Amino acid sequence: MNMLEHDLARSRMSELQAEAEAATRARRLYVARRAVRRAERAARRAARANAAVF
C-alpha cells in the first residue's frame, strides 16, 4: 500500500509541476504580447509625430 501511495503522490506532484510550468509559459506569453502591443503603439505615435513635423 505504501508503494501505491508513493506512486500516487509522485504522479500528483508531476501533474502540479506541469500545471505550474504551463501557467508560467502562459504568463510569459501574455507579457511578451503586451510588450509588442506597447512597442507598436509607440512606433505609430512616433510616426504620427514625425509626419506632423513635416
PDB file of N, CA and C in Angstrom:
ATOM      1  N   MET A   1       0.830  -1.201   0.000  1.00  0.00           N
ATOM      2  CA  MET A   1       0.000   0.000   0.000  1.00  0.00           C
ATOM      3  C   MET A   1       0.870   1.259   0.000  1.00  0.00           C
ATOM      4  N   ASN A   2       1.970   1.220   0.737  1.00  0.00           N
ATOM      5  CA  ASN A   2       2.842   2.390   0.819  1.00  0.00           C
ATOM      6  C   ASN A   2       3.426   2.735  -0.547  1.00  0.00           C
ATOM      7  N   MET A   3       3.788   1.717  -1.337  1.00  0.00           N
ATOM      8  CA  MET A   3       4.351   1.960  -2.668  1.00  0.00           C
ATOM      9  C   MET A   3       3.309   2.609  -3.569  1.00  0.00           C
ATOM     10  N   LEU A   4       2.059   2.174  -3.464  1.00  0.00           N
ATOM     11  CA  LEU A   4       0.980   2.746  -4.262  1.00  0.00           C
ATOM     12  C   LEU A   4       0.763   4.212  -3.901  1.00  0.00           C
ATOM     13  N   GLU A   5       0.767   4.515  -2.612  1.00  0.00           N
ATOM     14  CA  GLU A   5       0.616   5.899  -2.166  1.00  0.00           C
ATOM     15  C   GLU A   5       1.771   6.763  -2.659  1.00  0.00           C
ATOM     16  N   HIS A   6       2.972   6.194  -2.623  1.00  0.00           N
ATOM     17  CA  HIS A   6       4.147   6.927  -3.083  1.00  0.00           C
ATOM     18  C   HIS A   6       4.025   7.243  -4.577  1.00  0.00           C
ATOM     19  N   ASP A   7       3.631   6.259  -5.366  1.00  0.00           N
ATOM     20  CA  ASP A   7       3.458   6.474  -6.806  1.00  0.00           C
ATOM     21  C   ASP A   7       2.377   7.515  -7.082  1.00  0.00           C
ATOM     22  N   LEU A   8       1.291   7.453  -6.319  1.00  0.00           N
ATOM     23  CA  LEU A   8       0.200   8.400  -6.492  1.00  0.00           C
ATOM     24  C   LEU A   8       0.667   9.823  -6.160  1.00  0.00           C
ATOM     25  N   ALA A   9       1.412   9.960  -5.069  1.00  0.00           N
ATOM     26  CA  ALA A   9       1.914  11.273  -4.670  1.00  0.00           C
ATOM     27  C   ALA A   9       2.893  11.813  -5.713  1.00  0.00           C
ATOM     28  N   ARG A  10       3.755  10.944  -6.224  1.00  0.00           N
ATOM     29  CA  ARG A  10       4.721  11.384  -7.233  1.00  0.00           C
ATOM     30  C   ARG A  10       4.001  11.799  -8.515  1.00  0.00           C
ATOM     31  N   SER A  11       2.974  11.051  -8.889  1.00  0.00           N
ATOM     32  CA  SER A  11       2.193  11.386 -10.076  1.00  0.00           C
ATOM     33  C   SER A  11       1.507  12.740  -9.906  1.00  0.00           C
ATOM     34  N   ARG A  12       0.947  12.954  -8.729  1.00  0.00           N
ATOM     35  CA  ARG A  12       0.260  14.227  -8.450  1.00  0.00           C
ATOM     36  C   ARG A  12       1.246  15.392  -8.470  1.00  0.00           C
ATOM     37  N   MET A  13       2.426  15.165  -7.908  1.00  0.00           N
ATOM     38  CA  MET A  13       3.435  16.221  -7.907  1.00  0.00           C
ATOM     39  C   MET A  13       3.858  16.573  -9.329  1.00  0.00           C
ATOM     40  N   SER A  14       4.009  15.577 -10.184  1.00  0.00           N
ATOM     41  CA  SER A  14       4.405  15.871 -11.564  1.00  0.00           C
ATOM     42  C   SER A  14       3.275  16.596 -12.302  1.00  0.00           C
ATOM     43  N   GLU A  15       2.016  16.267 -11.988  1.00  0.00           N
ATOM     44  CA  GLU A  15       0.882  16.992 -12.576  1.00  0.00           C
ATOM     45  C   GLU A  15       0.897  18.458 -12.145  1.00  0.00           C
ATOM     46  N   LEU A  16       1.124  18.691 -10.860  1.00  0.00           N
ATOM     47  CA  LEU A  16       1.157  20.061 -10.350  1.00  0.00           C
ATOM     48  C   LEU A  16       2.317  20.843 -10.960  1.00  0.00           C
ATOM     49  N   GLN A  17       3.458  20.167 -11.129  1.00  0.00           N
ATOM     50  CA  GLN A  17       4.612  20.839 -11.727  1.00  0.00           C
ATOM     51  C   GLN A  17       4.319  21.199 -13.183  1.00  0.00           C
ATOM     52  N   ALA A  18       3.659  20.300 -13.910  1.00  0.00           N
ATOM     53  CA  ALA A  18       3.314  20.574 -15.304  1.00  0.00           C
ATOM     54  C   ALA A  18       2.337  21.746 -15.386  1.00  0.00           C
ATOM     55  N   GLU A  19       1.378  21.790 -14.469  1.00  0.00           N
ATOM     56  CA  GLU A  19       0.428  22.911 -14.448  1.00  0.00           C
ATOM     57  C   GLU A  19       1.145  24.227 -14.153  1.00  0.00           C
ATOM     58  N   ALA A  20       2.090  24.195 -13.218  1.00  0.00           N
ATOM     59  CA  ALA A  20       2.836  25.406 -12.868  1.00  0.00           C
ATOM     60  C   ALA A  20       3.669  25.874 -14.063  1.00  0.00           C
ATOM     61  N   GLU A  21       4.284  24.936 -14.769  1.00  0.00           N
ATOM     62  CA  GLU A  21       5.083  25.303 -15.935  1.00  0.00           C
ATOM     63  C   GLU A  21       4.199  25.893 -17.032  1.00  0.00           C
ATOM     64  N   ALA A  22       3.012  25.320 -17.230  1.00  0.00           N
ATOM     65  CA  ALA A  22       2.086  25.846 -18.239  1.00  0.00           C
ATOM     66  C   ALA A  22       1.636  27.255 -17.865  1.00  0.00           C
ATOM     67  N   ALA A  23       1.373  27.471 -16.587  1.00  0.00           N
ATOM     68  CA  ALA A  23       0.962  28.806 -16.136  1.00  0.00           C
ATOM     69  C   ALA A  23       2.095  29.816 -16.342  1.00  0.00           C
ATOM     70  N   THR A  24       3.322  29.393 -16.085  1.00  0.00           N
ATOM     71  CA  THR A  24       4.474  30.278 -16.284  1.00  0.00           C
ATOM     72  C   THR A  24       4.628  30.634 -17.754  1.00  0.00           C
ATOM     73  N   ARG A  25       4.471  29.626 -18.628  1.00  0.00           N
ATOM     74  CA  ARG A  25       4.577  29.892 -20.066  1.00  0.00           C
ATOM     75  C   ARG A  25       3.473  30.837 -20.525  1.00  0.00           C
ATOM     76  N   ALA A  26       2.257  30.624 -20.029  1.00  0.00           N
ATOM     77  CA  ALA A  26       1.135  31.483 -20.410  1.00  0.00           C
ATOM     78  C   ALA A  26       1.379  32.918 -19.947  1.00  0.00           C
ATOM     79  N   ARG A  27       1.903  33.075 -18.758  1.00  0.00           N
ATOM     80  CA  ARG A  27       2.187  34.419 -18.233  1.00  0.00           C
ATOM     81  C   ARG A  27       3.261  35.112 -19.071  1.00  0.00           C
ATOM     82  N   ARG A  28       4.327  34.378 -19.396  1.00  0.00           N
ATOM     83  CA  ARG A  28       5.392  34.967 -20.223  1.00  0.00           C
ATOM     84  C   ARG A  28       4.872  35.379 -21.588  1.00  0.00           C
ATOM     85  N   LEU A  29       4.000  34.541 -22.165  1.00  0.00           N
ATOM     86  CA  LEU A  29       3.423  34.856 -23.472  1.00  0.00           C
ATOM     87  C   LEU A  29       2.562  36.112 -23.381  1.00  0.00           C
ATOM     88  N   TYR A  30       1.763  36.218 -22.324  1.00  0.00           N
ATOM     89  CA  TYR A  30       0.923  37.395 -22.118  1.00  0.00           C
ATOM     90  C   TYR A  30       1.783  38.650 -21.996  1.00  0.00           C
ATOM     91  N   VAL A  31       2.839  38.582 -21.207  1.00  0.00           N
ATOM     92  CA  VAL A  31       3.718  39.736 -21.005  1.00  0.00           C
ATOM     93  C   VAL A  31       4.403  40.112 -22.313  1.00  0.00           C
ATOM     94  N   ALA A  32       4.840  39.115 -23.072  1.00  0.00           N
ATOM     95  CA  ALA A  32       5.516  39.391 -24.346  1.00  0.00           C
ATOM     96  C   ALA A  32       4.555  40.048 -25.338  1.00  0.00           C
ATOM     97  N   ARG A  33       3.332  39.542 -25.412  1.00  0.00           N
ATOM     98  CA  ARG A  33       2.355  40.143 -26.332  1.00  0.00           C
ATOM     99  C   ARG A  33       2.031  41.569 -25.934  1.00  0.00           C
ATOM    100  N   ARG A  34       1.922  41.811 -24.641  1.00  0.00           N
ATOM    101  CA  ARG A  34       1.637  43.164 -24.161  1.00  0.00           C
ATOM    102  C   ARG A  34       2.788  44.106 -24.518  1.00  0.00           C
ATOM    103  N   ALA A  35       4.016  43.634 -24.399  1.00  0.00           N
ATOM    104  CA  ALA A  35       5.176  44.454 -24.754  1.00  0.00           C
ATOM    105  C   ALA A  35       5.179  44.760 -26.249  1.00  0.00           C
ATOM    106  N   VAL A  36       4.798  43.780 -27.059  1.00  0.00           N
ATOM    107  CA  VAL A  36       4.739  44.004 -28.513  1.00  0.00           C
ATOM    108  C   VAL A  36       3.690  45.054 -28.841  1.00  0.00           C
ATOM    109  N   ARG A  37       2.516  44.947 -28.224  1.00  0.00           N
ATOM    110  CA  ARG A  37       1.468  45.947 -28.477  1.00  0.00           C
ATOM    111  C   ARG A  37       1.933  47.338 -28.057  1.00  0.00           C
ATOM    112  N   ARG A  38       2.597  47.431 -26.918  1.00  0.00           N
ATOM    113  CA  ARG A  38       3.097  48.722 -26.440  1.00  0.00           C
ATOM    114  C   ARG A  38       4.116  49.297 -27.421  1.00  0.00           C
ATOM    115  N   ALA A  39       5.005  48.453 -27.931  1.00  0.00           N
ATOM    116  CA  ALA A  39       6.016  48.917 -28.894  1.00  0.00           C
ATOM    117  C   ALA A  39       5.362  49.361 -30.201  1.00  0.00           C
ATOM    118  N   GLU A  40       4.332  48.638 -30.633  1.00  0.00           N
ATOM    119  CA  GLU A  40       3.635  49.030 -31.866  1.00  0.00           C
ATOM    120  C   GLU A  40       2.953  50.387 -31.696  1.00  0.00           C
ATOM    121  N   ARG A  41       2.323  50.592 -30.548  1.00  0.00           N
ATOM    122  CA  ARG A  41       1.683  51.888 -30.304  1.00  0.00           C
ATOM    123  C   ARG A  41       2.720  53.005 -30.276  1.00  0.00           C
ATOM    124  N   ALA A  42       3.864  52.759 -29.652  1.00  0.00           N
ATOM    125  CA  ALA A  42       4.918  53.766 -29.587  1.00  0.00           C
ATOM    126  C   ALA A  42       5.435  54.088 -30.990  1.00  0.00           C
ATOM    127  N   ALA A  43       5.568  53.074 -31.832  1.00  0.00           N
ATOM    128  CA  ALA A  43       6.052  53.305 -33.201  1.00  0.00           C
ATOM    129  C   ALA A  43       5.034  54.126 -33.988  1.00  0.00           C
ATOM    130  N   ARG A  44       3.749  53.819 -33.812  1.00  0.00           N
ATOM    131  CA  ARG A  44       2.721  54.603 -34.509  1.00  0.00           C
ATOM    132  C   ARG A  44       2.707  56.044 -34.026  1.00  0.00           C
ATOM    133  N   ARG A  45       2.855  56.235 -32.718  1.00  0.00           N
ATOM    134  CA  ARG A  45       2.910  57.601 -32.165  1.00  0.00           C
ATOM    135  C   ARG A  45       4.100  58.362 -32.739  1.00  0.00           C
ATOM    136  N   ALA A  46       5.244  57.699 -32.812  1.00  0.00           N
ATOM    137  CA  ALA A  46       6.445  58.349 -33.341  1.00  0.00           C
ATOM    138  C   ALA A  46       6.248  58.696 -34.819  1.00  0.00           C
ATOM    139  N   ALA A  47       5.605  57.804 -35.571  1.00  0.00           N
ATOM    140  CA  ALA A  47       5.371  58.079 -36.985  1.00  0.00           C
ATOM    141  C   ALA A  47       4.430  59.266 -37.158  1.00  0.00           C
ATOM    142  N   ARG A  48       3.395  59.332 -36.328  1.00  0.00           N
ATOM    143  CA  ARG A  48       2.470  60.474 -36.405  1.00  0.00           C
ATOM    144  C   ARG A  48       3.181  61.770 -36.030  1.00  0.00           C
ATOM    145  N   ALA A  49       4.000  61.731 -34.996  1.00  0.00           N
ATOM    146  CA  ALA A  49       4.722  62.927 -34.569  1.00  0.00           C
ATOM    147  C   ALA A  49       5.684  63.376 -35.671  1.00  0.00           C
ATOM    148  N   ASN A  50       6.326  62.403 -36.301  1.00  0.00           N
ATOM    149  CA  ASN A  50       7.257  62.728 -37.382  1.00  0.00           C
ATOM    150  C   ASN A  50       6.509  63.333 -38.570  1.00  0.00           C
ATOM    151  N   ALA A  51       5.348  62.791 -38.894  1.00  0.00           N
ATOM    152  CA  ALA A  51       4.556  63.310 -40.009  1.00  0.00           C
ATOM    153  C   ALA A  51       4.045  64.715 -39.708  1.00  0.00           C
ATOM    154  N   ALA A  52       3.754  64.975 -38.442  1.00  0.00           N
ATOM    155  CA  ALA A  52       3.247  66.288 -38.064  1.00  0.00           C
ATOM    156  C   ALA A  52       4.326  67.359 -38.181  1.00  0.00           C
ATOM    157  N   VAL A  53       5.574  66.971 -38.045  1.00  0.00           N
ATOM    158  CA  VAL A  53       6.675  67.930 -38.131  1.00  0.00           C
ATOM    159  C   VAL A  53       6.846  68.387 -39.571  1.00  0.00           C
ATOM    160  N   PHE A  54       6.654  67.476 -40.520  1.00  0.00           N
ATOM    161  CA  PHE A  54       6.866  67.815 -41.940  1.00  0.00           C
ATOM    162  C   PHE A  54       5.638  68.259 -42.643  1.00  0.00           C
TER     163      PHE A  54
END
